[in-house]
Amino acid sequence: MADDSKINLYNSQDFLIDDRIAHVIKDVTHIMVRSLQKKLNDYDVPFSHWAILRILWKQDGMSQRELSTKAGVMEPTTANIVQQMEVKGHITRRYLGSNKRKRHVFLTKQGKHLEHQLVPLAEDVNKIATRGISKKELKLLRSTMIKMIKNLDDKS
């Protein structure tokens, strides 16, 4: 039986050396997300909830529209995720002031507490992923990726 926990790197890591950078980035992202999701499963937190929690831990009380923009997902998707998170008791939604069309999303005590449980899991995945890579190489990787993001943002 094949080990599904390992990504198929085209049966040869040499192939990745000449592969397009977008493909390599996609593969790294895929395996990092999958690795984190396995850890999040122990807390019954889907990766989509993780993405929303990370945003709210930094800025609680955002509108669903603001949350959609920050998360980079469509508003109906965010509404669905937020509804699921509310059922789990991680967040609550409420109106602020007289505007009854704009609901804001707030972490519950349980949602806030998850930060202390889940962030170390992500840090662990990052630690594993960067094993054997020097601080200098990581700094260069980060700055290069940020330049790529800016380049693509300027062109879109």
C-alpha atoms as a PDB file:
ATOM      1  CA  MET A   1       0.000   0.000   0.000  1.00  0.00           C
ATOM      2  CA  ALA A   2       1.354   3.446  -0.930  1.00  0.00           C
ATOM      3  CA  ASP A   3       2.156   5.973   1.766  1.00  0.00           C
ATOM      4  CA  ASP A   4      -0.295   8.823   1.085  1.00  0.00           C
ATOM      5  CA  SER A   5       1.367  10.997   3.721  1.00  0.00           C
ATOM      6  CA  LYS A   6       4.269  11.750   1.399  1.00  0.00           C
ATOM      7  CA  ILE A   7       3.913  14.030  -1.587  1.00  0.00           C
ATOM      8  CA  ASN A   8       4.834  12.496  -4.919  1.00  0.00           C
ATOM      9  CA  LEU A   9       7.661  14.685  -6.139  1.00  0.00           C
ATOM     10  CA  TYR A  10       7.448  13.174  -9.593  1.00  0.00           C
ATOM     11  CA  ASN A  11       9.467  10.227  -8.227  1.00  0.00           C
ATOM     12  CA  SER A  12      12.608  12.329  -8.471  1.00  0.00           C
ATOM     13  CA  GLN A  13      13.687  15.404  -6.570  1.00  0.00           C
ATOM     14  CA  ASP A  14      16.007  16.165  -9.505  1.00  0.00           C
ATOM     15  CA  PHE A  15      12.917  16.918 -11.594  1.00  0.00           C
ATOM     16  CA  LEU A  16      11.994  19.737  -9.197  1.00  0.00           C
ATOM     17  CA  ILE A  17      15.292  21.521  -9.797  1.00  0.00           C
ATOM     18  CA  ASP A  18      14.290  22.303 -13.379  1.00  0.00           C
ATOM     19  CA  ASP A  19      10.566  22.654 -12.722  1.00  0.00           C
ATOM     20  CA  ARG A  20       8.831  26.010 -12.944  1.00  0.00           C
ATOM     21  CA  ILE A  21       9.039  27.974  -9.709  1.00  0.00           C
ATOM     22  CA  ALA A  22       5.231  28.155  -9.517  1.00  0.00           C
ATOM     23  CA  HIS A  23       5.061  24.347  -9.439  1.00  0.00           C
ATOM     24  CA  VAL A  24       7.645  24.087  -6.680  1.00  0.00           C
ATOM     25  CA  ILE A  25       5.840  26.737  -4.620  1.00  0.00           C
ATOM     26  CA  LYS A  26       2.547  24.900  -5.172  1.00  0.00           C
ATOM     27  CA  ASP A  27       4.092  21.613  -4.033  1.00  0.00           C
ATOM     28  CA  VAL A  28       5.603  23.173  -0.904  1.00  0.00           C
ATOM     29  CA  THR A  29       2.310  24.879  -0.089  1.00  0.00           C
ATOM     30  CA  HIS A  30       0.371  21.666  -0.634  1.00  0.00           C
ATOM     31  CA  ILE A  31       2.537  19.557   1.652  1.00  0.00           C
ATOM     32  CA  MET A  32       2.737  22.241   4.353  1.00  0.00           C
ATOM     33  CA  VAL A  33      -1.062  22.670   4.353  1.00  0.00           C
ATOM     34  CA  ARG A  34      -1.526  18.910   4.474  1.00  0.00           C
ATOM     35  CA  SER A  35       0.979  18.579   7.330  1.00  0.00           C
ATOM     36  CA  LEU A  36      -0.730  21.301   9.346  1.00  0.00           C
ATOM     37  CA  GLN A  37      -4.205  19.923   8.610  1.00  0.00           C
ATOM     38  CA  LYS A  38      -3.177  16.561  10.081  1.00  0.00           C
ATOM     39  CA  LYS A  39      -2.219  18.331  13.303  1.00  0.00           C
ATOM     40  CA  LEU A  40      -5.349  20.515  13.301  1.00  0.00           C
ATOM     41  CA  ASN A  41      -7.520  17.402  12.957  1.00  0.00           C
ATOM     42  CA  ASP A  42      -6.667  16.528  16.578  1.00  0.00           C
ATOM     43  CA  TYR A  43      -8.493  19.724  17.591  1.00  0.00           C
ATOM     44  CA  ASP A  44     -11.350  19.287  15.096  1.00  0.00           C
ATOM     45  CA  VAL A  45     -10.310  22.474  13.282  1.00  0.00           C
ATOM     46  CA  PRO A  46     -10.378  22.419   9.472  1.00  0.00           C
ATOM     47  CA  PHE A  47      -7.679  24.372   7.652  1.00  0.00           C
ATOM     48  CA  SER A  48     -10.293  26.856   6.405  1.00  0.00           C
ATOM     49  CA  HIS A  49     -11.128  27.695  10.037  1.00  0.00           C
ATOM     50  CA  TRP A  50      -7.417  28.063  10.811  1.00  0.00           C
ATOM     51  CA  ALA A  51      -7.112  30.740   8.122  1.00  0.00           C
ATOM     52  CA  ILE A  52      -9.977  32.750   9.653  1.00  0.00           C
ATOM     53  CA  LEU A  53      -8.750  32.247  13.215  1.00  0.00           C
ATOM     54  CA  ARG A  54      -5.294  33.569  12.323  1.00  0.00           C
ATOM     55  CA  ILE A  55      -6.821  36.784  11.019  1.00  0.00           C
ATOM     56  CA  LEU A  56      -9.114  37.244  14.016  1.00  0.00           C
ATOM     57  CA  TRP A  57      -6.299  36.613  16.500  1.00  0.00           C
ATOM     58  CA  LYS A  58      -4.603  39.669  15.010  1.00  0.00           C
ATOM     59  CA  GLN A  59      -7.728  41.809  14.515  1.00  0.00           C
ATOM     60  CA  ASP A  60     -10.885  40.679  16.257  1.00  0.00           C
ATOM     61  CA  GLY A  61     -14.255  42.191  15.339  1.00  0.00           C
ATOM     62  CA  MET A  62     -13.922  42.489  11.581  1.00  0.00           C
ATOM     63  CA  SER A  63     -16.926  42.521   9.299  1.00  0.00           C
ATOM     64  CA  GLN A  64     -17.449  39.375   7.227  1.00  0.00           C
ATOM     65  CA  ARG A  65     -16.600  41.376   4.106  1.00  0.00           C
ATOM     66  CA  GLU A  66     -13.282  42.541   5.621  1.00  0.00           C
ATOM     67  CA  LEU A  67     -12.580  38.976   6.688  1.00  0.00           C
ATOM     68  CA  SER A  68     -13.210  37.739   3.131  1.00  0.00           C
ATOM     69  CA  THR A  69     -10.813  40.300   1.730  1.00  0.00           C
ATOM     70  CA  LYS A  70      -8.072  39.486   4.258  1.00  0.00           C
ATOM     71  CA  ALA A  71      -8.512  35.734   3.754  1.00  0.00           C
ATOM     72  CA  GLY A  72      -8.596  36.072  -0.028  1.00  0.00           C
ATOM     73  CA  VAL A  73     -11.803  34.074  -0.412  1.00  0.00           C
ATOM     74  CA  MET A  74     -15.240  34.871  -1.802  1.00  0.00           C
ATOM     75  CA  GLU A  75     -17.822  36.285   0.601  1.00  0.00           C
ATOM     76  CA  PRO A  76     -20.196  33.282   0.358  1.00  0.00           C
ATOM     77  CA  THR A  77     -17.292  30.975   1.259  1.00  0.00           C
ATOM     78  CA  THR A  78     -16.412  33.137   4.246  1.00  0.00           C
ATOM     79  CA  ALA A  79     -20.065  33.241   5.329  1.00  0.00           C
ATOM     80  CA  ASN A  80     -20.178  29.432   5.245  1.00  0.00           C
ATOM     81  CA  ILE A  81     -16.917  29.058   7.193  1.00  0.00           C
ATOM     82  CA  VAL A  82     -17.985  31.642   9.773  1.00  0.00           C
ATOM     83  CA  GLN A  83     -21.340  29.891  10.212  1.00  0.00           C
ATOM     84  CA  GLN A  84     -19.533  26.582  10.860  1.00  0.00           C
ATOM     85  CA  MET A  85     -17.182  28.283  13.318  1.00  0.00           C
ATOM     86  CA  GLU A  86     -20.127  29.810  15.156  1.00  0.00           C
ATOM     87  CA  VAL A  87     -21.730  26.372  15.536  1.00  0.00           C
ATOM     88  CA  LYS A  88     -18.443  25.063  16.984  1.00  0.00           C
ATOM     89  CA  GLY A  89     -18.380  27.948  19.456  1.00  0.00           C
ATOM     90  CA  HIS A  90     -15.190  29.544  18.122  1.00  0.00           C
ATOM     91  CA  ILE A  91     -16.748  32.842  17.078  1.00  0.00           C
ATOM     92  CA  THR A  92     -19.879  34.908  17.495  1.00  0.00           C
ATOM     93  CA  ARG A  93     -21.419  37.347  15.005  1.00  0.00           C
ATOM     94  CA  ARG A  94     -23.170  40.531  15.925  1.00  0.00           C
ATOM     95  CA  TYR A  95     -24.239  43.874  14.575  1.00  0.00           C
ATOM     96  CA  LEU A  96     -22.472  47.008  15.716  1.00  0.00           C
ATOM     97  CA  GLY A  97     -24.449  50.206  16.100  1.00  0.00           C
ATOM     98  CA  SER A  98     -27.486  50.854  13.976  1.00  0.00           C
ATOM     99  CA  ASN A  99     -26.209  49.150  10.797  1.00  0.00           C
ATOM    100  CA  LYS A 100     -28.160  45.877  10.708  1.00  0.00           C
ATOM    101  CA  ARG A 101     -26.687  44.776   7.385  1.00  0.00           C
ATOM    102  CA  LYS A 102     -23.054  44.553   8.463  1.00  0.00           C
ATOM    103  CA  ARG A 103     -22.258  41.730  10.861  1.00  0.00           C
ATOM    104  CA  HIS A 104     -18.961  41.654  12.685  1.00  0.00           C
ATOM    105  CA  VAL A 105     -17.127  38.504  13.716  1.00  0.00           C
ATOM    106  CA  PHE A 106     -15.701  38.160  17.220  1.00  0.00           C
ATOM    107  CA  LEU A 107     -13.727  35.371  18.817  1.00  0.00           C
ATOM    108  CA  THR A 108     -15.299  33.623  21.777  1.00  0.00           C
ATOM    109  CA  LYS A 109     -13.237  32.633  24.802  1.00  0.00           C
ATOM    110  CA  GLN A 110     -12.870  29.209  23.196  1.00  0.00           C
ATOM    111  CA  GLY A 111     -11.708  30.770  19.897  1.00  0.00           C
ATOM    112  CA  LYS A 112      -9.147  32.908  21.694  1.00  0.00           C
ATOM    113  CA  HIS A 113      -7.907  29.899  23.662  1.00  0.00           C
ATOM    114  CA  LEU A 114      -7.287  27.952  20.444  1.00  0.00           C
ATOM    115  CA  GLU A 115      -4.460  30.352  19.592  1.00  0.00           C
ATOM    116  CA  HIS A 116      -2.316  28.892  22.373  1.00  0.00           C
ATOM    117  CA  GLN A 117      -3.044  25.367  21.174  1.00  0.00           C
ATOM    118  CA  LEU A 118      -2.845  25.775  17.400  1.00  0.00           C
ATOM    119  CA  VAL A 119      -0.049  28.280  16.773  1.00  0.00           C
ATOM    120  CA  PRO A 120       2.596  25.859  18.151  1.00  0.00           C
ATOM    121  CA  LEU A 121       1.360  23.277  15.625  1.00  0.00           C
ATOM    122  CA  ALA A 122       2.004  25.663  12.733  1.00  0.00           C
ATOM    123  CA  GLU A 123       5.359  26.608  14.212  1.00  0.00           C
ATOM    124  CA  ASP A 124       6.229  22.919  14.359  1.00  0.00           C
ATOM    125  CA  VAL A 125       5.350  22.432  10.676  1.00  0.00           C
ATOM    126  CA  ASN A 126       7.517  25.430   9.785  1.00  0.00           C
ATOM    127  CA  LYS A 127      10.365  24.094  11.918  1.00  0.00           C
ATOM    128  CA  ILE A 128      10.211  20.722  10.182  1.00  0.00           C
ATOM    129  CA  ALA A 129       9.953  22.314   6.726  1.00  0.00           C
ATOM    130  CA  THR A 130      12.981  24.543   7.311  1.00  0.00           C
ATOM    131  CA  ARG A 131      15.196  21.919   8.924  1.00  0.00           C
ATOM    132  CA  GLY A 132      18.713  22.092   7.497  1.00  0.00           C
ATOM    133  CA  ILE A 133      18.153  25.555   5.981  1.00  0.00           C
ATOM    134  CA  SER A 134      20.317  28.350   7.364  1.00  0.00           C
ATOM    135  CA  LYS A 135      18.895  31.620   8.689  1.00  0.00           C
ATOM    136  CA  LYS A 136      20.616  33.377   5.795  1.00  0.00           C
ATOM    137  CA  GLU A 137      18.920  31.094   3.252  1.00  0.00           C
ATOM    138  CA  LEU A 138      15.535  31.589   4.928  1.00  0.00           C
ATOM    139  CA  LYS A 139      15.974  35.362   4.921  1.00  0.00           C
ATOM    140  CA  LEU A 140      16.818  35.254   1.212  1.00  0.00           C
ATOM    141  CA  LEU A 141      13.866  32.957   0.492  1.00  0.00           C
ATOM    142  CA  ARG A 142      11.472  35.234   2.367  1.00  0.00           C
ATOM    143  CA  SER A 143      12.714  38.409   0.660  1.00  0.00           C
ATOM    144  CA  THR A 144      12.586  36.712  -2.750  1.00  0.00           C
ATOM    145  CA  MET A 145       9.028  35.504  -2.190  1.00  0.00           C
ATOM    146  CA  ILE A 146       7.958  38.987  -1.053  1.00  0.00           C
ATOM    147  CA  LYS A 147       9.465  40.455  -4.229  1.00  0.00           C
ATOM    148  CA  MET A 148       7.535  37.908  -6.297  1.00  0.00           C
ATOM    149  CA  ILE A 149       4.299  38.854  -4.530  1.00  0.00           C
ATOM    150  CA  LYS A 150       4.935  42.549  -5.200  1.00  0.00           C
ATOM    151  CA  ASN A 151       5.815  41.835  -8.836  1.00  0.00           C
ATOM    152  CA  LEU A 152       2.585  39.943  -9.369  1.00  0.00           C
ATOM    153  CA  ASP A 153       0.496  42.474  -7.438  1.00  0.00           C
ATOM    154  CA  ASP A 154       1.883  45.251  -9.659  1.00  0.00           C
ATOM    155  CA  LYS A 155       0.868  43.349 -12.793  1.00  0.00           C
ATOM    156  CA  SER A 156      -2.658  42.390 -11.769  1.00  0.00           C
END
